[in-house]
Amino acid sequence: MESPAKLLALRSVEDPADACWELRAQPDGEFRVLLTGWVMSKASIDAGVPESVEGVLSRALCCGNKLVFLFPASSTKAGDAAGWEPVTAGWARKLRPRPMDRLRLAPALPLLCTEDAGVAMRMFHAEPFSWEMRSQVVTLFPPGPALPELDHSSMFRLWREKRLRREVLLKLGAQGIMFPGVDGDFAEVAFLEGPVRKDFEQRLERECLGTGISWELVSEAEFRGTRWFQESPSKGRPR
């Protein structure tokens, strides 16, 4: 039986400028962006984010954030009026559109909120909010007992607008946000403040080291030239 693809390293670049990355958050002074990709021993036969990558990203995010993401089975109750409902290792709710938004065929948005990395890994498997189709959005809030105060209009803008606006995150009290990158092959994480991004980078590096892989912060040219699939782990760090 053929051995599965192994995760060798994570590679990141700060504030990439090339339009090829199709960023939702533009690093033009409003956001501090970190684009991250994963170097594998070979191409996986399965579509989607490798499970090992899901684990590293989820642990690094949940170590310093409360996450809110789209998840279809998160809530079955009435919606906004019910507020957050306790579920296993988190909370769930469903935001329903206002009457005027229903005329634009805006759907209800089922949300899951957690600080548990095992639960957070569900964000990569939340069809119809597909990571590969870039239909997922993960909002990052400060950790702690307080639950985010959300509204359908703001969350719908985060989900559907092609260009992220800083004021939407500020209104919600969020620290940052994560989107799937091009074809779901990257993770675009945007923060409102530089120190918050630096803290996430440190957590990401710790998680990589704990998993036995490397994390590298490289230039955009190096990031663009990375070979994302390596023939053998013995060939060293990717270049």
C-alpha atoms as a PDB file:
ATOM      1  CA  MET A   1       0.000   0.000   0.000  1.00  0.00           C
ATOM      2  CA  GLU A   2       1.285   3.450  -0.915  1.00  0.00           C
ATOM      3  CA  SER A   3       2.298   5.535   2.094  1.00  0.00           C
ATOM      4  CA  PRO A   4       0.276   8.723   2.724  1.00  0.00           C
ATOM      5  CA  ALA A   5       1.677  12.170   2.089  1.00  0.00           C
ATOM      6  CA  LYS A   6       3.539  13.627   5.065  1.00  0.00           C
ATOM      7  CA  LEU A   7       3.632  17.233   6.219  1.00  0.00           C
ATOM      8  CA  LEU A   8       7.220  18.519   6.017  1.00  0.00           C
ATOM      9  CA  ALA A   9       6.929  22.230   6.749  1.00  0.00           C
ATOM     10  CA  LEU A  10       4.727  25.298   6.823  1.00  0.00           C
ATOM     11  CA  ARG A  11       5.822  28.402   4.967  1.00  0.00           C
ATOM     12  CA  SER A  12       4.468  31.921   5.407  1.00  0.00           C
ATOM     13  CA  VAL A  13       4.846  35.342   3.853  1.00  0.00           C
ATOM     14  CA  GLU A  14       3.800  38.670   5.343  1.00  0.00           C
ATOM     15  CA  ASP A  15       1.716  41.142   3.344  1.00  0.00           C
ATOM     16  CA  PRO A  16       2.163  39.654  -0.149  1.00  0.00           C
ATOM     17  CA  ALA A  17       1.479  42.161  -2.922  1.00  0.00           C
ATOM     18  CA  ASP A  18       1.001  40.045  -6.052  1.00  0.00           C
ATOM     19  CA  ALA A  19      -2.588  39.886  -7.319  1.00  0.00           C
ATOM     20  CA  CYS A  20      -2.155  36.151  -8.005  1.00  0.00           C
ATOM     21  CA  TRP A  21      -2.893  35.395  -4.333  1.00  0.00           C
ATOM     22  CA  GLU A  22      -6.408  36.882  -4.636  1.00  0.00           C
ATOM     23  CA  LEU A  23      -6.373  38.161  -1.061  1.00  0.00           C
ATOM     24  CA  ARG A  24      -9.644  39.178   0.575  1.00  0.00           C
ATOM     25  CA  ALA A  25      -7.807  41.429   3.045  1.00  0.00           C
ATOM     26  CA  GLN A  26      -5.547  43.876   1.270  1.00  0.00           C
ATOM     27  CA  PRO A  27      -2.276  44.597   3.139  1.00  0.00           C
ATOM     28  CA  ASP A  28      -2.469  48.306   2.374  1.00  0.00           C
ATOM     29  CA  GLY A  29      -2.256  49.634   5.900  1.00  0.00           C
ATOM     30  CA  GLU A  30      -5.660  48.377   7.101  1.00  0.00           C
ATOM     31  CA  PHE A  31      -4.544  44.789   7.703  1.00  0.00           C
ATOM     32  CA  ARG A  32      -1.497  42.746   8.640  1.00  0.00           C
ATOM     33  CA  VAL A  33      -1.755  39.633   6.473  1.00  0.00           C
ATOM     34  CA  LEU A  34      -0.013  36.274   6.838  1.00  0.00           C
ATOM     35  CA  LEU A  35      -0.371  33.877   3.895  1.00  0.00           C
ATOM     36  CA  THR A  36       0.591  30.304   4.789  1.00  0.00           C
ATOM     37  CA  GLY A  37       1.124  27.222   2.659  1.00  0.00           C
ATOM     38  CA  TRP A  38       2.149  23.656   3.491  1.00  0.00           C
ATOM     39  CA  VAL A  39       4.991  21.620   2.048  1.00  0.00           C
ATOM     40  CA  MET A  40       4.077  17.940   1.654  1.00  0.00           C
ATOM     41  CA  SER A  41       6.175  14.880   0.857  1.00  0.00           C
ATOM     42  CA  LYS A  42       3.993  14.322  -2.220  1.00  0.00           C
ATOM     43  CA  ALA A  43       0.659  15.289  -3.674  1.00  0.00           C
ATOM     44  CA  SER A  44      -2.264  13.791  -1.765  1.00  0.00           C
ATOM     45  CA  ILE A  45      -4.839  11.695  -3.591  1.00  0.00           C
ATOM     46  CA  ASP A  46      -7.520  13.262  -1.370  1.00  0.00           C
ATOM     47  CA  ALA A  47      -8.824  16.754  -1.988  1.00  0.00           C
ATOM     48  CA  GLY A  48      -8.752  19.361   0.735  1.00  0.00           C
ATOM     49  CA  VAL A  49      -6.390  20.420   3.487  1.00  0.00           C
ATOM     50  CA  PRO A  50      -4.255  17.575   4.902  1.00  0.00           C
ATOM     51  CA  GLU A  51      -5.343  16.546   8.394  1.00  0.00           C
ATOM     52  CA  SER A  52      -1.895  17.300   9.811  1.00  0.00           C
ATOM     53  CA  VAL A  53      -2.159  20.869   8.513  1.00  0.00           C
ATOM     54  CA  GLU A  54      -5.672  21.217   9.931  1.00  0.00           C
ATOM     55  CA  GLY A  55      -4.315  20.263  13.347  1.00  0.00           C
ATOM     56  CA  VAL A  56      -1.390  22.694  13.353  1.00  0.00           C
ATOM     57  CA  LEU A  57      -3.489  25.644  12.158  1.00  0.00           C
ATOM     58  CA  SER A  58      -6.366  24.891  14.554  1.00  0.00           C
ATOM     59  CA  ARG A  59      -4.096  24.570  17.590  1.00  0.00           C
ATOM     60  CA  ALA A  60      -2.188  27.755  16.767  1.00  0.00           C
ATOM     61  CA  LEU A  61      -5.432  29.690  16.302  1.00  0.00           C
ATOM     62  CA  CYS A  62      -7.224  28.330  19.384  1.00  0.00           C
ATOM     63  CA  CYS A  63      -4.214  28.882  21.634  1.00  0.00           C
ATOM     64  CA  GLY A  64      -4.918  32.621  21.576  1.00  0.00           C
ATOM     65  CA  ASN A  65      -8.343  33.121  20.021  1.00  0.00           C
ATOM     66  CA  LYS A  66     -11.994  32.241  20.217  1.00  0.00           C
ATOM     67  CA  LEU A  67     -13.046  31.102  16.719  1.00  0.00           C
ATOM     68  CA  VAL A  68     -16.385  31.598  14.963  1.00  0.00           C
ATOM     69  CA  PHE A  69     -16.906  29.807  11.653  1.00  0.00           C
ATOM     70  CA  LEU A  70     -19.679  28.584   9.379  1.00  0.00           C
ATOM     71  CA  PHE A  71     -20.862  25.060  10.133  1.00  0.00           C
ATOM     72  CA  PRO A  72     -24.156  23.677   8.758  1.00  0.00           C
ATOM     73  CA  ALA A  73     -25.103  21.397  11.642  1.00  0.00           C
ATOM     74  CA  SER A  74     -24.303  23.925  14.358  1.00  0.00           C
ATOM     75  CA  SER A  75     -27.853  25.017  15.239  1.00  0.00           C
ATOM     76  CA  THR A  76     -31.409  23.803  14.707  1.00  0.00           C
ATOM     77  CA  LYS A  77     -33.344  26.282  16.835  1.00  0.00           C
ATOM     78  CA  ALA A  78     -35.222  29.406  15.849  1.00  0.00           C
ATOM     79  CA  GLY A  79     -32.253  31.632  15.090  1.00  0.00           C
ATOM     80  CA  ASP A  80     -31.242  35.059  16.364  1.00  0.00           C
ATOM     81  CA  ALA A  81     -33.718  35.125  19.233  1.00  0.00           C
ATOM     82  CA  ALA A  82     -32.258  31.937  20.707  1.00  0.00           C
ATOM     83  CA  GLY A  83     -28.746  33.426  20.884  1.00  0.00           C
ATOM     84  CA  TRP A  84     -25.779  31.170  21.489  1.00  0.00           C
ATOM     85  CA  GLU A  85     -26.645  27.596  22.471  1.00  0.00           C
ATOM     86  CA  PRO A  86     -24.127  25.441  24.379  1.00  0.00           C
ATOM     87  CA  VAL A  87     -22.860  22.459  22.409  1.00  0.00           C
ATOM     88  CA  THR A  88     -19.971  20.058  22.956  1.00  0.00           C
ATOM     89  CA  ALA A  89     -16.792  22.134  23.441  1.00  0.00           C
ATOM     90  CA  GLY A  90     -18.393  25.321  22.191  1.00  0.00           C
ATOM     91  CA  TRP A  91     -21.503  27.294  21.302  1.00  0.00           C
ATOM     92  CA  ALA A  92     -23.785  27.434  18.276  1.00  0.00           C
ATOM     93  CA  ARG A  93     -26.320  29.800  16.788  1.00  0.00           C
ATOM     94  CA  LYS A  94     -28.029  30.625  13.508  1.00  0.00           C
ATOM     95  CA  LEU A  95     -28.210  34.179  12.185  1.00  0.00           C
ATOM     96  CA  ARG A  96     -31.254  34.823  10.024  1.00  0.00           C
ATOM     97  CA  PRO A  97     -31.370  37.629   7.440  1.00  0.00           C
ATOM     98  CA  ARG A  98     -33.533  40.717   7.812  1.00  0.00           C
ATOM     99  CA  PRO A  99     -36.600  40.895   5.527  1.00  0.00           C
ATOM    100  CA  MET A 100     -34.791  43.197   3.075  1.00  0.00           C
ATOM    101  CA  ASP A 101     -31.889  40.761   2.902  1.00  0.00           C
ATOM    102  CA  ARG A 102     -34.221  37.851   2.201  1.00  0.00           C
ATOM    103  CA  LEU A 103     -35.300  39.668  -0.956  1.00  0.00           C
ATOM    104  CA  ARG A 104     -31.662  39.433  -2.061  1.00  0.00           C
ATOM    105  CA  LEU A 105     -31.760  35.685  -1.311  1.00  0.00           C
ATOM    106  CA  ALA A 106     -29.303  36.026   1.570  1.00  0.00           C
ATOM    107  CA  PRO A 107     -29.283  32.704   3.448  1.00  0.00           C
ATOM    108  CA  ALA A 108     -29.310  32.065   7.175  1.00  0.00           C
ATOM    109  CA  LEU A 109     -25.785  31.647   8.549  1.00  0.00           C
ATOM    110  CA  PRO A 110     -25.200  28.752  10.984  1.00  0.00           C
ATOM    111  CA  LEU A 111     -22.201  29.448  13.211  1.00  0.00           C
ATOM    112  CA  LEU A 112     -20.013  27.467  15.558  1.00  0.00           C
ATOM    113  CA  CYS A 113     -17.906  29.172  18.237  1.00  0.00           C
ATOM    114  CA  THR A 114     -15.069  27.366  20.015  1.00  0.00           C
ATOM    115  CA  GLU A 115     -11.639  27.554  21.606  1.00  0.00           C
ATOM    116  CA  ASP A 116     -11.189  23.778  21.257  1.00  0.00           C
ATOM    117  CA  ALA A 117      -8.780  22.859  18.449  1.00  0.00           C
ATOM    118  CA  GLY A 118     -10.419  19.486  17.873  1.00  0.00           C
ATOM    119  CA  VAL A 119     -13.762  21.191  17.269  1.00  0.00           C
ATOM    120  CA  ALA A 120     -12.132  23.941  15.219  1.00  0.00           C
ATOM    121  CA  MET A 121     -10.862  21.372  12.696  1.00  0.00           C
ATOM    122  CA  ARG A 122     -14.474  21.037  11.537  1.00  0.00           C
ATOM    123  CA  MET A 123     -14.088  24.351   9.704  1.00  0.00           C
ATOM    124  CA  PHE A 124     -12.215  22.483   6.983  1.00  0.00           C
ATOM    125  CA  HIS A 125     -15.149  20.069   6.521  1.00  0.00           C
ATOM    126  CA  ALA A 126     -18.243  22.259   6.622  1.00  0.00           C
ATOM    127  CA  GLU A 127     -19.937  21.734   3.264  1.00  0.00           C
ATOM    128  CA  PRO A 128     -21.672  23.603   1.695  1.00  0.00           C
ATOM    129  CA  PHE A 129     -19.238  26.128   3.214  1.00  0.00           C
ATOM    130  CA  SER A 130     -16.387  24.427   1.402  1.00  0.00           C
ATOM    131  CA  TRP A 131     -12.790  25.345   2.159  1.00  0.00           C
ATOM    132  CA  GLU A 132     -11.695  24.246  -1.324  1.00  0.00           C
ATOM    133  CA  MET A 133     -14.363  26.458  -2.951  1.00  0.00           C
ATOM    134  CA  ARG A 134     -13.336  29.349  -0.669  1.00  0.00           C
ATOM    135  CA  SER A 135     -16.776  29.482   0.963  1.00  0.00           C
ATOM    136  CA  GLN A 136     -15.569  29.381   4.582  1.00  0.00           C
ATOM    137  CA  VAL A 137     -14.799  32.348   6.830  1.00  0.00           C
ATOM    138  CA  VAL A 138     -13.244  32.092  10.301  1.00  0.00           C
ATOM    139  CA  THR A 139     -13.504  35.138  12.556  1.00  0.00           C
ATOM    140  CA  LEU A 140     -10.974  35.494  15.392  1.00  0.00           C
ATOM    141  CA  PHE A 141     -12.021  36.955  18.738  1.00  0.00           C
ATOM    142  CA  PRO A 142     -10.168  37.385  22.050  1.00  0.00           C
ATOM    143  CA  PRO A 143     -10.280  34.260  24.252  1.00  0.00           C
ATOM    144  CA  GLY A 144     -12.334  34.137  27.419  1.00  0.00           C
ATOM    145  CA  PRO A 145     -15.894  33.617  28.640  1.00  0.00           C
ATOM    146  CA  ALA A 146     -17.521  36.489  26.707  1.00  0.00           C
ATOM    147  CA  LEU A 147     -19.316  35.348  23.547  1.00  0.00           C
ATOM    148  CA  PRO A 148     -19.217  37.543  20.422  1.00  0.00           C
ATOM    149  CA  GLU A 149     -22.167  39.810  19.687  1.00  0.00           C
ATOM    150  CA  LEU A 150     -22.910  39.158  16.025  1.00  0.00           C
ATOM    151  CA  ASP A 151     -25.416  40.310  13.435  1.00  0.00           C
ATOM    152  CA  HIS A 152     -26.374  38.770  10.110  1.00  0.00           C
ATOM    153  CA  SER A 153     -25.513  41.818   8.015  1.00  0.00           C
ATOM    154  CA  SER A 154     -21.906  42.004   9.254  1.00  0.00           C
ATOM    155  CA  MET A 155     -21.277  38.279   9.028  1.00  0.00           C
ATOM    156  CA  PHE A 156     -22.796  38.156   5.561  1.00  0.00           C
ATOM    157  CA  ARG A 157     -20.402  40.920   4.439  1.00  0.00           C
ATOM    158  CA  LEU A 158     -17.435  38.997   5.832  1.00  0.00           C
ATOM    159  CA  TRP A 159     -18.587  35.910   4.000  1.00  0.00           C
ATOM    160  CA  ARG A 160     -19.503  37.351   0.604  1.00  0.00           C
ATOM    161  CA  GLU A 161     -17.696  40.619  -0.058  1.00  0.00           C
ATOM    162  CA  LYS A 162     -14.579  40.169  -2.176  1.00  0.00           C
ATOM    163  CA  ARG A 163     -12.677  42.872  -0.296  1.00  0.00           C
ATOM    164  CA  LEU A 164     -12.651  42.892   3.483  1.00  0.00           C
ATOM    165  CA  ARG A 165     -13.379  46.174   5.254  1.00  0.00           C
ATOM    166  CA  ARG A 166     -11.633  46.968   8.529  1.00  0.00           C
ATOM    167  CA  GLU A 167     -14.699  48.624  10.041  1.00  0.00           C
ATOM    168  CA  VAL A 168     -16.694  45.381   9.870  1.00  0.00           C
ATOM    169  CA  LEU A 169     -14.226  43.546  12.112  1.00  0.00           C
ATOM    170  CA  LEU A 170     -13.993  46.534  14.453  1.00  0.00           C
ATOM    171  CA  LYS A 171     -17.780  46.624  14.812  1.00  0.00           C
ATOM    172  CA  LEU A 172     -17.815  42.967  15.867  1.00  0.00           C
ATOM    173  CA  GLY A 173     -14.867  43.316  18.248  1.00  0.00           C
ATOM    174  CA  ALA A 174     -12.796  40.810  16.274  1.00  0.00           C
ATOM    175  CA  GLN A 175      -8.991  40.659  16.259  1.00  0.00           C
ATOM    176  CA  GLY A 176      -8.655  39.091  12.857  1.00  0.00           C
ATOM    177  CA  ILE A 177     -10.058  36.702  10.294  1.00  0.00           C
ATOM    178  CA  MET A 178      -9.020  33.684   8.216  1.00  0.00           C
ATOM    179  CA  PHE A 179     -10.051  32.865   4.656  1.00  0.00           C
ATOM    180  CA  PRO A 180      -9.161  29.962   2.367  1.00  0.00           C
ATOM    181  CA  GLY A 181      -6.551  30.972  -0.186  1.00  0.00           C
ATOM    182  CA  VAL A 182      -6.528  30.235  -3.912  1.00  0.00           C
ATOM    183  CA  ASP A 183      -8.069  26.771  -4.549  1.00  0.00           C
ATOM    184  CA  GLY A 184      -7.991  26.180  -0.798  1.00  0.00           C
ATOM    185  CA  ASP A 185      -4.235  25.554  -1.030  1.00  0.00           C
ATOM    186  CA  PHE A 186      -3.290  28.356   1.369  1.00  0.00           C
ATOM    187  CA  ALA A 187      -4.603  30.003   4.529  1.00  0.00           C
ATOM    188  CA  GLU A 188      -4.988  33.787   4.482  1.00  0.00           C
ATOM    189  CA  VAL A 189      -4.990  35.138   8.039  1.00  0.00           C
ATOM    190  CA  ALA A 190      -5.481  38.898   8.459  1.00  0.00           C
ATOM    191  CA  PHE A 191      -5.106  40.876  11.682  1.00  0.00           C
ATOM    192  CA  LEU A 192      -6.015  44.413  12.621  1.00  0.00           C
ATOM    193  CA  GLU A 193      -2.742  44.995  14.482  1.00  0.00           C
ATOM    194  CA  GLY A 194       0.851  43.964  13.851  1.00  0.00           C
ATOM    195  CA  PRO A 195       1.577  42.676  17.390  1.00  0.00           C
ATOM    196  CA  VAL A 196      -1.406  40.319  17.177  1.00  0.00           C
ATOM    197  CA  ARG A 197      -0.002  38.868  13.956  1.00  0.00           C
ATOM    198  CA  LYS A 198       3.412  38.468  15.576  1.00  0.00           C
ATOM    199  CA  ASP A 199       1.831  36.589  18.473  1.00  0.00           C
ATOM    200  CA  PHE A 200       0.107  34.241  16.013  1.00  0.00           C
ATOM    201  CA  GLU A 201       3.376  33.670  14.151  1.00  0.00           C
ATOM    202  CA  GLN A 202       5.052  32.651  17.397  1.00  0.00           C
ATOM    203  CA  ARG A 203       2.228  30.256  18.211  1.00  0.00           C
ATOM    204  CA  LEU A 204       2.368  28.813  14.699  1.00  0.00           C
ATOM    205  CA  GLU A 205       6.106  28.252  15.005  1.00  0.00           C
ATOM    206  CA  ARG A 206       5.680  26.532  18.396  1.00  0.00           C
ATOM    207  CA  GLU A 207       2.992  24.232  17.027  1.00  0.00           C
ATOM    208  CA  CYS A 208       5.169  23.317  14.058  1.00  0.00           C
ATOM    209  CA  LEU A 209       8.162  22.569  16.280  1.00  0.00           C
ATOM    210  CA  GLY A 210       5.945  20.468  18.573  1.00  0.00           C
ATOM    211  CA  THR A 211       4.804  18.486  15.532  1.00  0.00           C
ATOM    212  CA  GLY A 212       8.377  17.928  14.370  1.00  0.00           C
ATOM    213  CA  ILE A 213       8.245  20.143  11.302  1.00  0.00           C
ATOM    214  CA  SER A 214       9.699  23.534  10.433  1.00  0.00           C
ATOM    215  CA  TRP A 215       7.977  26.883  10.015  1.00  0.00           C
ATOM    216  CA  GLU A 216       9.619  29.484   7.812  1.00  0.00           C
ATOM    217  CA  LEU A 217       8.828  33.156   7.285  1.00  0.00           C
ATOM    218  CA  VAL A 218      10.085  33.970   3.795  1.00  0.00           C
ATOM    219  CA  SER A 219       9.994  36.714   1.186  1.00  0.00           C
ATOM    220  CA  GLU A 220       7.223  36.786  -1.401  1.00  0.00           C
ATOM    221  CA  ALA A 221       9.678  35.701  -4.095  1.00  0.00           C
ATOM    222  CA  GLU A 222      10.708  32.675  -2.016  1.00  0.00           C
ATOM    223  CA  PHE A 223       7.094  31.884  -1.229  1.00  0.00           C
ATOM    224  CA  ARG A 224       6.152  32.026  -4.911  1.00  0.00           C
ATOM    225  CA  GLY A 225       9.066  29.774  -5.842  1.00  0.00           C
ATOM    226  CA  THR A 226       8.402  27.126  -3.200  1.00  0.00           C
ATOM    227  CA  ARG A 227       8.048  23.513  -4.339  1.00  0.00           C
ATOM    228  CA  TRP A 228       5.028  22.520  -2.291  1.00  0.00           C
ATOM    229  CA  PHE A 229       5.545  18.803  -2.902  1.00  0.00           C
ATOM    230  CA  GLN A 230       8.912  17.229  -2.033  1.00  0.00           C
ATOM    231  CA  GLU A 231      10.038  13.753  -3.047  1.00  0.00           C
ATOM    232  CA  SER A 232      11.540  12.893   0.312  1.00  0.00           C
ATOM    233  CA  PRO A 233      11.750  14.433   3.801  1.00  0.00           C
ATOM    234  CA  SER A 234      15.484  13.600   3.790  1.00  0.00           C
ATOM    235  CA  LYS A 235      16.120  16.322   1.228  1.00  0.00           C
ATOM    236  CA  GLY A 236      15.856  18.955   3.942  1.00  0.00           C
ATOM    237  CA  ARG A 237      13.958  22.192   4.252  1.00  0.00           C
ATOM    238  CA  PRO A 238      12.160  23.397   1.141  1.00  0.00           C
ATOM    239  CA  ARG A 239      13.677  26.039  -1.089  1.00  0.00           C
END
